Amino acid sequence: MIFYLKGSVGYQISAVGTWCENSRGEMVGSADTYFRHIMTGQRCESVWVCLSGWSKSDEKTTEQWETLCQRIEEYGNLEETICTEESIGV
């Protein structure tokens, strides 16, 4: 799924949720959720780690990425959203 910054859809962070289901299609156990690094695509346990190793001299760009991370971090029902939505603006 994709989180994007409302008003600036070019700022996007991917999140992944995987889980096991029983024969009735019900989730068994807890979901494994994580984010993808914005440059490398590597697994990140925290949304802030998605920016690790990345820098931009443009202050506005940096502010937009930080705003997106902050809004994702504050978003309610994050695990459920990652497992059920395709994209969401924050």
PDB file of N, CA and C in Angstrom:
ATOM      1  N   MET A   1       0.831  -1.159   0.000  1.00  0.00           N
ATOM      2  CA  MET A   1       0.000   0.000   0.000  1.00  0.00           C
ATOM      3  C   MET A   1       0.876   1.222   0.000  1.00  0.00           C
ATOM      4  N   ILE A   2       0.305   2.338  -0.389  1.00  0.00           N
ATOM      5  CA  ILE A   2       1.057   3.584  -0.513  1.00  0.00           C
ATOM      6  C   ILE A   2       0.444   4.659   0.382  1.00  0.00           C
ATOM      7  N   PHE A   3       1.288   5.307   1.168  1.00  0.00           N
ATOM      8  CA  PHE A   3       0.902   6.530   1.859  1.00  0.00           C
ATOM      9  C   PHE A   3       1.444   7.679   1.027  1.00  0.00           C
ATOM     10  N   TYR A   4       0.612   8.669   0.751  1.00  0.00           N
ATOM     11  CA  TYR A   4       1.088   9.837   0.016  1.00  0.00           C
ATOM     12  C   TYR A   4       0.674  11.104   0.744  1.00  0.00           C
ATOM     13  N   LEU A   5       1.426  12.167   0.505  1.00  0.00           N
ATOM     14  CA  LEU A   5       1.162  13.442   1.154  1.00  0.00           C
ATOM     15  C   LEU A   5       0.063  14.165   0.393  1.00  0.00           C
ATOM     16  N   LYS A   6      -1.039  14.461   1.075  1.00  0.00           N
ATOM     17  CA  LYS A   6      -2.149  15.186   0.436  1.00  0.00           C
ATOM     18  C   LYS A   6      -1.633  16.513  -0.102  1.00  0.00           C
ATOM     19  N   GLY A   7      -1.989  16.820  -1.331  1.00  0.00           N
ATOM     20  CA  GLY A   7      -1.562  18.061  -1.954  1.00  0.00           C
ATOM     21  C   GLY A   7      -0.206  17.964  -2.628  1.00  0.00           C
ATOM     22  N   SER A   8       0.547  16.924  -2.342  1.00  0.00           N
ATOM     23  CA  SER A   8       1.870  16.706  -2.946  1.00  0.00           C
ATOM     24  C   SER A   8       2.059  15.210  -3.149  1.00  0.00           C
ATOM     25  N   VAL A   9       1.321  14.642  -4.084  1.00  0.00           N
ATOM     26  CA  VAL A   9       1.300  13.182  -4.243  1.00  0.00           C
ATOM     27  C   VAL A   9       2.632  12.586  -4.688  1.00  0.00           C
ATOM     28  N   GLY A  10       3.594  13.418  -5.037  1.00  0.00           N
ATOM     29  CA  GLY A  10       4.923  12.924  -5.391  1.00  0.00           C
ATOM     30  C   GLY A  10       5.691  12.391  -4.190  1.00  0.00           C
ATOM     31  N   TYR A  11       5.225  12.715  -3.002  1.00  0.00           N
ATOM     32  CA  TYR A  11       5.851  12.233  -1.775  1.00  0.00           C
ATOM     33  C   TYR A  11       5.084  11.004  -1.321  1.00  0.00           C
ATOM     34  N   GLN A  12       5.709   9.827  -1.498  1.00  0.00           N
ATOM     35  CA  GLN A  12       5.035   8.563  -1.217  1.00  0.00           C
ATOM     36  C   GLN A  12       5.960   7.617  -0.458  1.00  0.00           C
ATOM     37  N   ILE A  13       5.369   6.880   0.462  1.00  0.00           N
ATOM     38  CA  ILE A  13       6.099   5.837   1.184  1.00  0.00           C
ATOM     39  C   ILE A  13       5.271   4.562   1.098  1.00  0.00           C
ATOM     40  N   SER A  14       5.922   3.482   0.696  1.00  0.00           N
ATOM     41  CA  SER A  14       5.253   2.182   0.582  1.00  0.00           C
ATOM     42  C   SER A  14       5.269   1.456   1.919  1.00  0.00           C
ATOM     43  N   ALA A  15       4.171   0.783   2.194  1.00  0.00           N
ATOM     44  CA  ALA A  15       4.065  -0.055   3.387  1.00  0.00           C
ATOM     45  C   ALA A  15       3.566  -1.427   2.952  1.00  0.00           C
ATOM     46  N   VAL A  16       3.988  -2.454   3.676  1.00  0.00           N
ATOM     47  CA  VAL A  16       3.648  -3.830   3.328  1.00  0.00           C
ATOM     48  C   VAL A  16       3.077  -4.524   4.558  1.00  0.00           C
ATOM     49  N   GLY A  17       2.059  -5.322   4.339  1.00  0.00           N
ATOM     50  CA  GLY A  17       1.497  -6.143   5.402  1.00  0.00           C
ATOM     51  C   GLY A  17       1.334  -7.568   4.907  1.00  0.00           C
ATOM     52  N   THR A  18       1.845  -8.520   5.668  1.00  0.00           N
ATOM     53  CA  THR A  18       1.672  -9.937   5.329  1.00  0.00           C
ATOM     54  C   THR A  18       1.095 -10.651   6.545  1.00  0.00           C
ATOM     55  N   TRP A  19       0.299 -11.671   6.279  1.00  0.00           N
ATOM     56  CA  TRP A  19      -0.348 -12.412   7.354  1.00  0.00           C
ATOM     57  C   TRP A  19      -0.750 -13.784   6.847  1.00  0.00           C
ATOM     58  N   CYS A  20      -1.117 -14.657   7.768  1.00  0.00           N
ATOM     59  CA  CYS A  20      -1.608 -15.994   7.430  1.00  0.00           C
ATOM     60  C   CYS A  20      -3.118 -16.028   7.635  1.00  0.00           C
ATOM     61  N   GLU A  21      -3.796 -16.812   6.793  1.00  0.00           N
ATOM     62  CA  GLU A  21      -5.250 -16.969   6.899  1.00  0.00           C
ATOM     63  C   GLU A  21      -5.600 -18.440   7.052  1.00  0.00           C
ATOM     64  N   ASN A  22      -6.709 -18.691   7.739  1.00  0.00           N
ATOM     65  CA  ASN A  22      -7.201 -20.061   7.829  1.00  0.00           C
ATOM     66  C   ASN A  22      -8.053 -20.367   6.595  1.00  0.00           C
ATOM     67  N   SER A  23      -8.653 -21.541   6.543  1.00  0.00           N
ATOM     68  CA  SER A  23      -9.428 -21.954   5.364  1.00  0.00           C
ATOM     69  C   SER A  23     -10.674 -21.103   5.142  1.00  0.00           C
ATOM     70  N   ARG A  24     -11.105 -20.370   6.157  1.00  0.00           N
ATOM     71  CA  ARG A  24     -12.270 -19.482   6.016  1.00  0.00           C
ATOM     72  C   ARG A  24     -11.866 -18.065   5.607  1.00  0.00           C
ATOM     73  N   GLY A  25     -10.577 -17.845   5.401  1.00  0.00           N
ATOM     74  CA  GLY A  25     -10.096 -16.527   5.008  1.00  0.00           C
ATOM     75  C   GLY A  25      -9.929 -15.556   6.158  1.00  0.00           C
ATOM     76  N   GLU A  26      -9.975 -16.064   7.387  1.00  0.00           N
ATOM     77  CA  GLU A  26      -9.803 -15.216   8.565  1.00  0.00           C
ATOM     78  C   GLU A  26      -8.323 -15.120   8.921  1.00  0.00           C
ATOM     79  N   MET A  27      -7.896 -13.935   9.340  1.00  0.00           N
ATOM     80  CA  MET A  27      -6.505 -13.737   9.716  1.00  0.00           C
ATOM     81  C   MET A  27      -6.183 -14.565  10.957  1.00  0.00           C
ATOM     82  N   VAL A  28      -5.065 -15.270  10.907  1.00  0.00           N
ATOM     83  CA  VAL A  28      -4.591 -16.077  12.023  1.00  0.00           C
ATOM     84  C   VAL A  28      -3.298 -15.440  12.524  1.00  0.00           C
ATOM     85  N   GLY A  29      -3.249 -15.162  13.806  1.00  0.00           N
ATOM     86  CA  GLY A  29      -2.065 -14.506  14.359  1.00  0.00           C
ATOM     87  C   GLY A  29      -2.062 -13.025  14.025  1.00  0.00           C
ATOM     88  N   SER A  30      -0.913 -12.414  14.168  1.00  0.00           N
ATOM     89  CA  SER A  30      -0.814 -10.981  13.895  1.00  0.00           C
ATOM     90  C   SER A  30      -0.132 -10.737  12.550  1.00  0.00           C
ATOM     91  N   ALA A  31      -0.412  -9.594  11.995  1.00  0.00           N
ATOM     92  CA  ALA A  31       0.168  -9.222  10.706  1.00  0.00           C
ATOM     93  C   ALA A  31       1.599  -8.734  10.898  1.00  0.00           C
ATOM     94  N   ASP A  32       2.420  -8.966   9.902  1.00  0.00           N
ATOM     95  CA  ASP A  32       3.786  -8.450   9.866  1.00  0.00           C
ATOM     96  C   ASP A  32       3.747  -7.211   8.974  1.00  0.00           C
ATOM     97  N   THR A  33       3.889  -6.030   9.561  1.00  0.00           N
ATOM     98  CA  THR A  33       3.825  -4.796   8.779  1.00  0.00           C
ATOM     99  C   THR A  33       5.167  -4.079   8.826  1.00  0.00           C
ATOM    100  N   TYR A  34       5.523  -3.457   7.712  1.00  0.00           N
ATOM    101  CA  TYR A  34       6.772  -2.705   7.629  1.00  0.00           C
ATOM    102  C   TYR A  34       6.684  -1.715   6.475  1.00  0.00           C
ATOM    103  N   PHE A  35       7.681  -0.858   6.379  1.00  0.00           N
ATOM    104  CA  PHE A  35       7.749   0.159   5.336  1.00  0.00           C
ATOM    105  C   PHE A  35       8.907  -0.154   4.399  1.00  0.00           C
ATOM    106  N   ARG A  36       8.918   0.482   3.234  1.00  0.00           N
ATOM    107  CA  ARG A  36      10.000   0.322   2.263  1.00  0.00           C
ATOM    108  C   ARG A  36      10.798   1.620   2.173  1.00  0.00           C
ATOM    109  N   HIS A  37      12.133   1.510   2.205  1.00  0.00           N
ATOM    110  CA  HIS A  37      13.017   2.672   2.099  1.00  0.00           C
ATOM    111  C   HIS A  37      12.743   3.405   0.788  1.00  0.00           C
ATOM    112  N   ILE A  38      12.728   4.743   0.825  1.00  0.00           N
ATOM    113  CA  ILE A  38      12.341   5.521  -0.361  1.00  0.00           C
ATOM    114  C   ILE A  38      13.340   5.418  -1.505  1.00  0.00           C
ATOM    115  N   MET A  39      14.587   5.053  -1.223  1.00  0.00           N
ATOM    116  CA  MET A  39      15.591   4.937  -2.283  1.00  0.00           C
ATOM    117  C   MET A  39      15.946   3.482  -2.612  1.00  0.00           C
ATOM    118  N   THR A  40      16.088   2.648  -1.594  1.00  0.00           N
ATOM    119  CA  THR A  40      16.585   1.289  -1.810  1.00  0.00           C
ATOM    120  C   THR A  40      15.495   0.229  -1.848  1.00  0.00           C
ATOM    121  N   GLY A  41      14.334   0.536  -1.282  1.00  0.00           N
ATOM    122  CA  GLY A  41      13.261  -0.452  -1.209  1.00  0.00           C
ATOM    123  C   GLY A  41      13.442  -1.471  -0.100  1.00  0.00           C
ATOM    124  N   GLN A  42      14.497  -1.315   0.700  1.00  0.00           N
ATOM    125  CA  GLN A  42      14.736  -2.264   1.788  1.00  0.00           C
ATOM    126  C   GLN A  42      13.673  -2.137   2.871  1.00  0.00           C
ATOM    127  N   ARG A  43      13.498  -3.210   3.604  1.00  0.00           N
ATOM    128  CA  ARG A  43      12.535  -3.264   4.707  1.00  0.00           C
ATOM    129  C   ARG A  43      12.956  -2.296   5.814  1.00  0.00           C
ATOM    130  N   CYS A  44      11.984  -1.516   6.300  1.00  0.00           N
ATOM    131  CA  CYS A  44      12.207  -0.576   7.403  1.00  0.00           C
ATOM    132  C   CYS A  44      11.136  -0.813   8.458  1.00  0.00           C
ATOM    133  N   GLU A  45      11.540  -1.008   9.687  1.00  0.00           N
ATOM    134  CA  GLU A  45      10.590  -1.264  10.766  1.00  0.00           C
ATOM    135  C   GLU A  45       9.865   0.006  11.205  1.00  0.00           C
ATOM    136  N   SER A  46      10.461   1.154  10.963  1.00  0.00           N
ATOM    137  CA  SER A  46       9.877   2.444  11.334  1.00  0.00           C
ATOM    138  C   SER A  46       9.767   3.320  10.091  1.00  0.00           C
ATOM    139  N   VAL A  47       8.731   4.139  10.033  1.00  0.00           N
ATOM    140  CA  VAL A  47       8.567   5.030   8.885  1.00  0.00           C
ATOM    141  C   VAL A  47       9.735   6.011   8.781  1.00  0.00           C
ATOM    142  N   TRP A  48      10.318   6.406   9.900  1.00  0.00           N
ATOM    143  CA  TRP A  48      11.429   7.358   9.879  1.00  0.00           C
ATOM    144  C   TRP A  48      12.692   6.736   9.287  1.00  0.00           C
ATOM    145  N   VAL A  49      12.859   5.433   9.419  1.00  0.00           N
ATOM    146  CA  VAL A  49      14.024   4.754   8.853  1.00  0.00           C
ATOM    147  C   VAL A  49      13.987   4.818   7.322  1.00  0.00           C
ATOM    148  N   CYS A  50      12.807   5.030   6.758  1.00  0.00           N
ATOM    149  CA  CYS A  50      12.662   5.150   5.300  1.00  0.00           C
ATOM    150  C   CYS A  50      13.469   6.308   4.733  1.00  0.00           C
ATOM    151  N   LEU A  51      13.803   7.285   5.566  1.00  0.00           N
ATOM    152  CA  LEU A  51      14.576   8.446   5.125  1.00  0.00           C
ATOM    153  C   LEU A  51      16.059   8.312   5.440  1.00  0.00           C
ATOM    154  N   SER A  52      16.451   7.249   6.122  1.00  0.00           N
ATOM    155  CA  SER A  52      17.832   7.048   6.537  1.00  0.00           C
ATOM    156  C   SER A  52      18.776   7.049   5.335  1.00  0.00           C
ATOM    157  N   GLY A  53      19.856   7.826   5.447  1.00  0.00           N
ATOM    158  CA  GLY A  53      20.848   7.878   4.384  1.00  0.00           C
ATOM    159  C   GLY A  53      20.463   8.768   3.223  1.00  0.00           C
ATOM    160  N   TRP A  54      19.308   9.374   3.285  1.00  0.00           N
ATOM    161  CA  TRP A  54      18.829  10.242   2.215  1.00  0.00           C
ATOM    162  C   TRP A  54      18.961  11.681   2.674  1.00  0.00           C
ATOM    163  N   SER A  55      19.393  12.548   1.788  1.00  0.00           N
ATOM    164  CA  SER A  55      19.451  13.969   2.133  1.00  0.00           C
ATOM    165  C   SER A  55      19.166  14.795   0.889  1.00  0.00           C
ATOM    166  N   LYS A  56      18.616  15.943   1.121  1.00  0.00           N
ATOM    167  CA  LYS A  56      18.294  16.866   0.034  1.00  0.00           C
ATOM    168  C   LYS A  56      18.586  18.258   0.556  1.00  0.00           C
ATOM    169  N   SER A  57      19.308  19.044  -0.209  1.00  0.00           N
ATOM    170  CA  SER A  57      19.661  20.385   0.252  1.00  0.00           C
ATOM    171  C   SER A  57      18.464  21.330   0.220  1.00  0.00           C
ATOM    172  N   ASP A  58      17.434  20.961  -0.508  1.00  0.00           N
ATOM    173  CA  ASP A  58      16.226  21.770  -0.609  1.00  0.00           C
ATOM    174  C   ASP A  58      15.411  21.634   0.675  1.00  0.00           C
ATOM    175  N   GLU A  59      15.288  22.718   1.417  1.00  0.00           N
ATOM    176  CA  GLU A  59      14.598  22.695   2.708  1.00  0.00           C
ATOM    177  C   GLU A  59      13.127  22.313   2.578  1.00  0.00           C
ATOM    178  N   LYS A  60      12.463  22.773   1.520  1.00  0.00           N
ATOM    179  CA  LYS A  60      11.039  22.470   1.325  1.00  0.00           C
ATOM    180  C   LYS A  60      10.826  20.969   1.109  1.00  0.00           C
ATOM    181  N   THR A  61      11.683  20.351   0.312  1.00  0.00           N
ATOM    182  CA  THR A  61      11.581  18.918   0.050  1.00  0.00           C
ATOM    183  C   THR A  61      11.765  18.121   1.340  1.00  0.00           C
ATOM    184  N   THR A  62      12.776  18.479   2.108  1.00  0.00           N
ATOM    185  CA  THR A  62      13.016  17.807   3.382  1.00  0.00           C
ATOM    186  C   THR A  62      11.809  17.952   4.297  1.00  0.00           C
ATOM    187  N   GLU A  63      11.239  19.143   4.350  1.00  0.00           N
ATOM    188  CA  GLU A  63      10.065  19.392   5.190  1.00  0.00           C
ATOM    189  C   GLU A  63       8.872  18.538   4.751  1.00  0.00           C
ATOM    190  N   GLN A  64       8.684  18.372   3.446  1.00  0.00           N
ATOM    191  CA  GLN A  64       7.570  17.563   2.936  1.00  0.00           C
ATOM    192  C   GLN A  64       7.729  16.101   3.358  1.00  0.00           C
ATOM    193  N   TRP A  65       8.939  15.547   3.212  1.00  0.00           N
ATOM    194  CA  TRP A  65       9.177  14.160   3.613  1.00  0.00           C
ATOM    195  C   TRP A  65       8.956  13.979   5.106  1.00  0.00           C
ATOM    196  N   GLU A  66       9.442  14.930   5.893  1.00  0.00           N
ATOM    197  CA  GLU A  66       9.268  14.836   7.338  1.00  0.00           C
ATOM    198  C   GLU A  66       7.802  14.953   7.740  1.00  0.00           C
ATOM    199  N   THR A  67       7.053  15.799   7.045  1.00  0.00           N
ATOM    200  CA  THR A  67       5.616  15.931   7.303  1.00  0.00           C
ATOM    201  C   THR A  67       4.903  14.619   7.008  1.00  0.00           C
ATOM    202  N   LEU A  68       5.245  13.982   5.888  1.00  0.00           N
ATOM    203  CA  LEU A  68       4.635  12.702   5.534  1.00  0.00           C
ATOM    204  C   LEU A  68       4.923  11.655   6.610  1.00  0.00           C
ATOM    205  N   CYS A  69       6.169  11.546   7.037  1.00  0.00           N
ATOM    206  CA  CYS A  69       6.527  10.572   8.077  1.00  0.00           C
ATOM    207  C   CYS A  69       5.772  10.849   9.372  1.00  0.00           C
ATOM    208  N   GLN A  70       5.683  12.103   9.760  1.00  0.00           N
ATOM    209  CA  GLN A  70       4.980  12.476  10.991  1.00  0.00           C
ATOM    210  C   GLN A  70       3.512  12.083  10.913  1.00  0.00           C
ATOM    211  N   ARG A  71       2.871  12.357   9.782  1.00  0.00           N
ATOM    212  CA  ARG A  71       1.448  12.039   9.626  1.00  0.00           C
ATOM    213  C   ARG A  71       1.204  10.533   9.615  1.00  0.00           C
ATOM    214  N   ILE A  72       2.107   9.780   9.003  1.00  0.00           N
ATOM    215  CA  ILE A  72       1.974   8.316   9.015  1.00  0.00           C
ATOM    216  C   ILE A  72       2.114   7.808  10.446  1.00  0.00           C
ATOM    217  N   GLU A  73       3.111   8.311  11.157  1.00  0.00           N
ATOM    218  CA  GLU A  73       3.356   7.886  12.531  1.00  0.00           C
ATOM    219  C   GLU A  73       2.146   8.162  13.428  1.00  0.00           C
ATOM    220  N   GLU A  74       1.442   9.262  13.186  1.00  0.00           N
ATOM    221  CA  GLU A  74       0.295   9.652  14.008  1.00  0.00           C
ATOM    222  C   GLU A  74      -1.016   9.033  13.536  1.00  0.00           C
ATOM    223  N   TYR A  75      -1.003   8.342  12.403  1.00  0.00           N
ATOM    224  CA  TYR A  75      -2.220   7.789  11.827  1.00  0.00           C
ATOM    225  C   TYR A  75      -2.768   6.670  12.712  1.00  0.00           C
ATOM    226  N   GLY A  76      -4.058   6.670  12.967  1.00  0.00           N
ATOM    227  CA  GLY A  76      -4.686   5.637  13.793  1.00  0.00           C
ATOM    228  C   GLY A  76      -4.879   4.337  13.028  1.00  0.00           C
ATOM    229  N   ASN A  77      -4.911   3.217  13.735  1.00  0.00           N
ATOM    230  CA  ASN A  77      -5.107   1.891  13.129  1.00  0.00           C
ATOM    231  C   ASN A  77      -4.136   1.621  11.983  1.00  0.00           C
ATOM    232  N   LEU A  78      -2.879   1.913  12.204  1.00  0.00           N
ATOM    233  CA  LEU A  78      -1.875   1.798  11.150  1.00  0.00           C
ATOM    234  C   LEU A  78      -1.778   0.379  10.599  1.00  0.00           C
ATOM    235  N   GLU A  79      -1.730  -0.627  11.475  1.00  0.00           N
ATOM    236  CA  GLU A  79      -1.608  -2.014  11.014  1.00  0.00           C
ATOM    237  C   GLU A  79      -2.799  -2.422  10.151  1.00  0.00           C
ATOM    238  N   GLU A  80      -3.998  -2.104  10.601  1.00  0.00           N
ATOM    239  CA  GLU A  80      -5.205  -2.447   9.836  1.00  0.00           C
ATOM    240  C   GLU A  80      -5.224  -1.734   8.484  1.00  0.00           C
ATOM    241  N   THR A  81      -4.835  -0.471   8.474  1.00  0.00           N
ATOM    242  CA  THR A  81      -4.807   0.301   7.229  1.00  0.00           C
ATOM    243  C   THR A  81      -3.824  -0.300   6.240  1.00  0.00           C
ATOM    244  N   ILE A  82      -2.639  -0.659   6.708  1.00  0.00           N
ATOM    245  CA  ILE A  82      -1.625  -1.246   5.828  1.00  0.00           C
ATOM    246  C   ILE A  82      -2.137  -2.550   5.217  1.00  0.00           C
ATOM    247  N   CYS A  83      -2.890  -3.320   5.969  1.00  0.00           N
ATOM    248  CA  CYS A  83      -3.366  -4.621   5.499  1.00  0.00           C
ATOM    249  C   CYS A  83      -4.616  -4.537   4.621  1.00  0.00           C
ATOM    250  N   THR A  84      -5.344  -3.427   4.660  1.00  0.00           N
ATOM    251  CA  THR A  84      -6.623  -3.386   3.940  1.00  0.00           C
ATOM    252  C   THR A  84      -6.732  -2.332   2.847  1.00  0.00           C
ATOM    253  N   GLU A  85      -5.892  -1.329   2.847  1.00  0.00           N
ATOM    254  CA  GLU A  85      -6.009  -0.240   1.876  1.00  0.00           C
ATOM    255  C   GLU A  85      -4.960  -0.363   0.777  1.00  0.00           C
ATOM    256  N   GLU A  86      -5.244   0.244  -0.379  1.00  0.00           N
ATOM    257  CA  GLU A  86      -4.270   0.286  -1.467  1.00  0.00           C
ATOM    258  C   GLU A  86      -3.444   1.560  -1.426  1.00  0.00           C
ATOM    259  N   SER A  87      -4.095   2.684  -1.112  1.00  0.00           N
ATOM    260  CA  SER A  87      -3.392   3.954  -0.953  1.00  0.00           C
ATOM    261  C   SER A  87      -4.231   4.871  -0.085  1.00  0.00           C
ATOM    262  N   ILE A  88      -3.548   5.802   0.563  1.00  0.00           N
ATOM    263  CA  ILE A  88      -4.260   6.748   1.422  1.00  0.00           C
ATOM    264  C   ILE A  88      -3.452   8.037   1.529  1.00  0.00           C
ATOM    265  N   GLY A  89      -4.148   9.153   1.421  1.00  0.00           N
ATOM    266  CA  GLY A  89      -3.509  10.453   1.576  1.00  0.00           C
ATOM    267  C   GLY A  89      -3.532  10.876   3.025  1.00  0.00           C
ATOM    268  N   VAL A  90      -2.405  11.371   3.496  1.00  0.00           N
ATOM    269  CA  VAL A  90      -2.312  11.839   4.881  1.00  0.00           C
ATOM    270  C   VAL A  90      -1.832  13.274   4.907  1.00  0.00           C
TER     271      VAL A  90
END
